[in-house]
Amino acid sequence: MIRTIVKDILFLEQKSEPATKEDISVVNDLIDTLRANLEHCVGMAANMIGIKKRILVFSVGEMIVPMINPVILKKENSYETEESCLSLTGFRKTIRYETIEVEYLDIDFKKHKQVFNGFTAQIIQHEMDHFKGIII
């Protein structure tokens, strides 16, 4: 189901809780909502659709990748960049890392460990900031 994008800063500043198998509908709603917003957006965290769970999705071309309860294990080569967010207006400066190693669960709750670089790493870091209530 395509959900409305939350723009309430007080809600977005709240921390997210770990997701469970009961939250699988949230994953599907996030995928649908990102797909509907691909023209303006490359990633989403669950709090952006009003659910405070540690779930994110991001696009790689036509494919949308979900991550449940991701954790960054390593990060290398920090740099300053500017980002925007569907929940906010305009661009803001932030620090990101060129390379990250992430452990996460997929939509079937199977564990993965993977290294991400460049723009994909940046998207994941942005969405994971949402889990901590950090808004760029």
C-alpha atoms as a PDB file:
ATOM      1  CA  MET A   1       0.000   0.000   0.000  1.00  0.00           C
ATOM      2  CA  ILE A   2       1.304   3.463  -0.870  1.00  0.00           C
ATOM      3  CA  ARG A   3       1.546   5.536   2.320  1.00  0.00           C
ATOM      4  CA  THR A   4       1.617   9.282   2.921  1.00  0.00           C
ATOM      5  CA  ILE A   5       5.079  10.751   3.614  1.00  0.00           C
ATOM      6  CA  VAL A   6       5.420  12.018   7.196  1.00  0.00           C
ATOM      7  CA  LYS A   7       6.764  15.564   7.501  1.00  0.00           C
ATOM      8  CA  ASP A   8       6.186  15.993  11.261  1.00  0.00           C
ATOM      9  CA  ILE A   9       9.659  16.759  12.676  1.00  0.00           C
ATOM     10  CA  LEU A  10       8.646  15.815  16.248  1.00  0.00           C
ATOM     11  CA  PHE A  11       7.644  12.345  15.025  1.00  0.00           C
ATOM     12  CA  LEU A  12      10.707  11.972  12.800  1.00  0.00           C
ATOM     13  CA  GLU A  13      13.031  12.857  15.719  1.00  0.00           C
ATOM     14  CA  GLN A  14      11.858   9.801  17.700  1.00  0.00           C
ATOM     15  CA  LYS A  15      14.031   6.678  17.733  1.00  0.00           C
ATOM     16  CA  SER A  16      12.925   3.533  15.902  1.00  0.00           C
ATOM     17  CA  GLU A  17      12.535   0.088  17.451  1.00  0.00           C
ATOM     18  CA  PRO A  18      13.812  -3.229  16.069  1.00  0.00           C
ATOM     19  CA  ALA A  19      11.496  -4.806  13.506  1.00  0.00           C
ATOM     20  CA  THR A  20      10.067  -8.304  13.860  1.00  0.00           C
ATOM     21  CA  LYS A  21       8.473 -10.777  11.446  1.00  0.00           C
ATOM     22  CA  GLU A  22       5.121  -9.201  12.339  1.00  0.00           C
ATOM     23  CA  ASP A  23       6.311  -6.036  10.574  1.00  0.00           C
ATOM     24  CA  ILE A  24       6.556  -7.620   7.110  1.00  0.00           C
ATOM     25  CA  SER A  25       3.600  -5.527   5.884  1.00  0.00           C
ATOM     26  CA  VAL A  26       5.673  -2.412   6.698  1.00  0.00           C
ATOM     27  CA  VAL A  27       8.409  -3.674   4.357  1.00  0.00           C
ATOM     28  CA  ASN A  28       5.880  -4.129   1.564  1.00  0.00           C
ATOM     29  CA  ASP A  29       4.295  -0.697   2.197  1.00  0.00           C
ATOM     30  CA  LEU A  30       7.761   0.915   2.107  1.00  0.00           C
ATOM     31  CA  ILE A  31       8.552  -0.802  -1.194  1.00  0.00           C
ATOM     32  CA  ASP A  32       5.222   0.363  -2.679  1.00  0.00           C
ATOM     33  CA  THR A  33       5.688   3.913  -1.374  1.00  0.00           C
ATOM     34  CA  LEU A  34       9.265   4.179  -2.648  1.00  0.00           C
ATOM     35  CA  ARG A  35       8.222   2.813  -6.038  1.00  0.00           C
ATOM     36  CA  ALA A  36       5.522   5.520  -6.219  1.00  0.00           C
ATOM     37  CA  ASN A  37       8.109   8.213  -5.371  1.00  0.00           C
ATOM     38  CA  LEU A  38      11.104   7.048  -7.437  1.00  0.00           C
ATOM     39  CA  GLU A  39      11.022  10.210  -9.504  1.00  0.00           C
ATOM     40  CA  HIS A  40      12.028  12.223  -6.396  1.00  0.00           C
ATOM     41  CA  CYS A  41      13.467   9.643  -3.989  1.00  0.00           C
ATOM     42  CA  VAL A  42      16.021   6.799  -3.835  1.00  0.00           C
ATOM     43  CA  GLY A  43      15.472   5.499  -0.298  1.00  0.00           C
ATOM     44  CA  MET A  44      13.030   5.484   2.604  1.00  0.00           C
ATOM     45  CA  ALA A  45      12.967   4.578   6.273  1.00  0.00           C
ATOM     46  CA  ALA A  46       9.822   3.254   7.953  1.00  0.00           C
ATOM     47  CA  ASN A  47       9.343   6.381  10.063  1.00  0.00           C
ATOM     48  CA  MET A  48       8.838   8.318   6.826  1.00  0.00           C
ATOM     49  CA  ILE A  49       5.532   6.424   6.464  1.00  0.00           C
ATOM     50  CA  GLY A  50       4.649   6.769  10.149  1.00  0.00           C
ATOM     51  CA  ILE A  51       6.088   3.541  11.583  1.00  0.00           C
ATOM     52  CA  LYS A  52       8.964   3.675  14.073  1.00  0.00           C
ATOM     53  CA  LYS A  53      10.701   0.439  13.063  1.00  0.00           C
ATOM     54  CA  ARG A  54      14.276  -0.202  11.876  1.00  0.00           C
ATOM     55  CA  ILE A  55      13.333  -0.932   8.265  1.00  0.00           C
ATOM     56  CA  LEU A  56      14.647   0.815   5.164  1.00  0.00           C
ATOM     57  CA  VAL A  57      14.416   0.359   1.427  1.00  0.00           C
ATOM     58  CA  PHE A  58      16.534   1.800  -1.377  1.00  0.00           C
ATOM     59  CA  SER A  59      16.559   1.596  -5.146  1.00  0.00           C
ATOM     60  CA  VAL A  60      19.263   0.182  -7.367  1.00  0.00           C
ATOM     61  CA  GLY A  61      18.017   0.894 -10.868  1.00  0.00           C
ATOM     62  CA  GLU A  62      14.599  -0.759 -11.120  1.00  0.00           C
ATOM     63  CA  MET A  63      15.229  -3.038  -8.125  1.00  0.00           C
ATOM     64  CA  ILE A  64      14.194  -2.019  -4.594  1.00  0.00           C
ATOM     65  CA  VAL A  65      16.267  -3.539  -1.783  1.00  0.00           C
ATOM     66  CA  PRO A  66      14.781  -3.866   1.718  1.00  0.00           C
ATOM     67  CA  MET A  67      16.934  -3.983   4.862  1.00  0.00           C
ATOM     68  CA  ILE A  68      15.537  -4.993   8.228  1.00  0.00           C
ATOM     69  CA  ASN A  69      17.401  -4.043  11.426  1.00  0.00           C
ATOM     70  CA  PRO A  70      20.604  -3.027   9.582  1.00  0.00           C
ATOM     71  CA  VAL A  71      23.783  -2.301  11.541  1.00  0.00           C
ATOM     72  CA  ILE A  72      26.877  -0.602  10.162  1.00  0.00           C
ATOM     73  CA  LEU A  73      29.901  -2.711  11.151  1.00  0.00           C
ATOM     74  CA  LYS A  74      32.618  -0.625   9.451  1.00  0.00           C
ATOM     75  CA  LYS A  75      32.870   2.759   7.776  1.00  0.00           C
ATOM     76  CA  GLU A  76      35.756   4.280   5.833  1.00  0.00           C
ATOM     77  CA  ASN A  77      36.697   7.575   4.170  1.00  0.00           C
ATOM     78  CA  SER A  78      34.420  10.322   5.459  1.00  0.00           C
ATOM     79  CA  TYR A  79      33.378  13.191   3.201  1.00  0.00           C
ATOM     80  CA  GLU A  80      31.011  16.154   3.325  1.00  0.00           C
ATOM     81  CA  THR A  81      27.983  16.193   1.025  1.00  0.00           C
ATOM     82  CA  GLU A  82      24.540  17.741   0.654  1.00  0.00           C
ATOM     83  CA  GLU A  83      21.342  15.707   0.813  1.00  0.00           C
ATOM     84  CA  SER A  84      17.619  16.192   0.527  1.00  0.00           C
ATOM     85  CA  CYS A  85      14.753  14.155   1.974  1.00  0.00           C
ATOM     86  CA  LEU A  86      11.095  13.705   1.023  1.00  0.00           C
ATOM     87  CA  SER A  87      10.245  14.563   4.642  1.00  0.00           C
ATOM     88  CA  LEU A  88      12.039  17.937   4.413  1.00  0.00           C
ATOM     89  CA  THR A  89      12.326  20.914   2.097  1.00  0.00           C
ATOM     90  CA  GLY A  90      15.661  21.814   0.551  1.00  0.00           C
ATOM     91  CA  PHE A  91      19.197  20.455   0.948  1.00  0.00           C
ATOM     92  CA  ARG A  92      21.377  20.138   4.056  1.00  0.00           C
ATOM     93  CA  LYS A  93      25.076  19.411   4.585  1.00  0.00           C
ATOM     94  CA  THR A  94      26.117  16.191   6.291  1.00  0.00           C
ATOM     95  CA  ILE A  95      29.084  13.840   6.714  1.00  0.00           C
ATOM     96  CA  ARG A  96      28.949  10.409   5.077  1.00  0.00           C
ATOM     97  CA  TYR A  97      31.390   7.543   4.512  1.00  0.00           C
ATOM     98  CA  GLU A  98      32.450   6.311   1.078  1.00  0.00           C
ATOM     99  CA  THR A  99      32.484   2.621   2.108  1.00  0.00           C
ATOM    100  CA  ILE A 100      30.369   0.856   4.727  1.00  0.00           C
ATOM    101  CA  GLU A 101      29.914  -2.749   5.777  1.00  0.00           C
ATOM    102  CA  VAL A 102      26.354  -3.543   6.824  1.00  0.00           C
ATOM    103  CA  GLU A 103      24.774  -6.541   8.525  1.00  0.00           C
ATOM    104  CA  TYR A 104      21.028  -6.785   7.934  1.00  0.00           C
ATOM    105  CA  LEU A 105      18.057  -9.100   7.493  1.00  0.00           C
ATOM    106  CA  ASP A 106      16.359  -9.433   4.116  1.00  0.00           C
ATOM    107  CA  ILE A 107      12.601  -9.666   3.552  1.00  0.00           C
ATOM    108  CA  ASP A 108      12.757 -13.388   4.475  1.00  0.00           C
ATOM    109  CA  PHE A 109      14.637 -12.508   7.700  1.00  0.00           C
ATOM    110  CA  LYS A 110      17.836 -14.140   6.419  1.00  0.00           C
ATOM    111  CA  LYS A 111      21.023 -12.479   7.678  1.00  0.00           C
ATOM    112  CA  HIS A 112      23.426 -10.830   5.234  1.00  0.00           C
ATOM    113  CA  LYS A 113      26.729  -8.985   5.551  1.00  0.00           C
ATOM    114  CA  GLN A 114      27.625  -6.773   2.609  1.00  0.00           C
ATOM    115  CA  VAL A 115      29.940  -3.903   1.667  1.00  0.00           C
ATOM    116  CA  PHE A 116      28.424  -0.864  -0.051  1.00  0.00           C
ATOM    117  CA  ASN A 117      30.253   2.009  -1.751  1.00  0.00           C
ATOM    118  CA  GLY A 118      29.525   5.459  -3.123  1.00  0.00           C
ATOM    119  CA  PHE A 119      25.974   6.663  -3.580  1.00  0.00           C
ATOM    120  CA  THR A 120      24.391   3.402  -2.370  1.00  0.00           C
ATOM    121  CA  ALA A 121      26.387   3.643   0.880  1.00  0.00           C
ATOM    122  CA  GLN A 122      25.257   7.257   1.224  1.00  0.00           C
ATOM    123  CA  ILE A 123      21.572   6.316   0.807  1.00  0.00           C
ATOM    124  CA  ILE A 124      21.832   3.573   3.460  1.00  0.00           C
ATOM    125  CA  GLN A 125      23.527   5.941   5.932  1.00  0.00           C
ATOM    126  CA  HIS A 126      20.855   8.588   5.359  1.00  0.00           C
ATOM    127  CA  GLU A 127      18.024   6.134   5.988  1.00  0.00           C
ATOM    128  CA  MET A 128      19.756   4.648   9.044  1.00  0.00           C
ATOM    129  CA  ASP A 129      20.027   8.168  10.513  1.00  0.00           C
ATOM    130  CA  HIS A 130      16.208   8.187  10.463  1.00  0.00           C
ATOM    131  CA  PHE A 131      16.278   5.241  12.908  1.00  0.00           C
ATOM    132  CA  LYS A 132      18.146   7.427  15.410  1.00  0.00           C
ATOM    133  CA  GLY A 133      15.835  10.385  14.923  1.00  0.00           C
ATOM    134  CA  ILE A 134      18.551  12.250  13.027  1.00  0.00           C
ATOM    135  CA  ILE A 135      17.194  14.389  10.231  1.00  0.00           C
ATOM    136  CA  ILE A 136      19.820  15.858   7.927  1.00  0.00           C
END
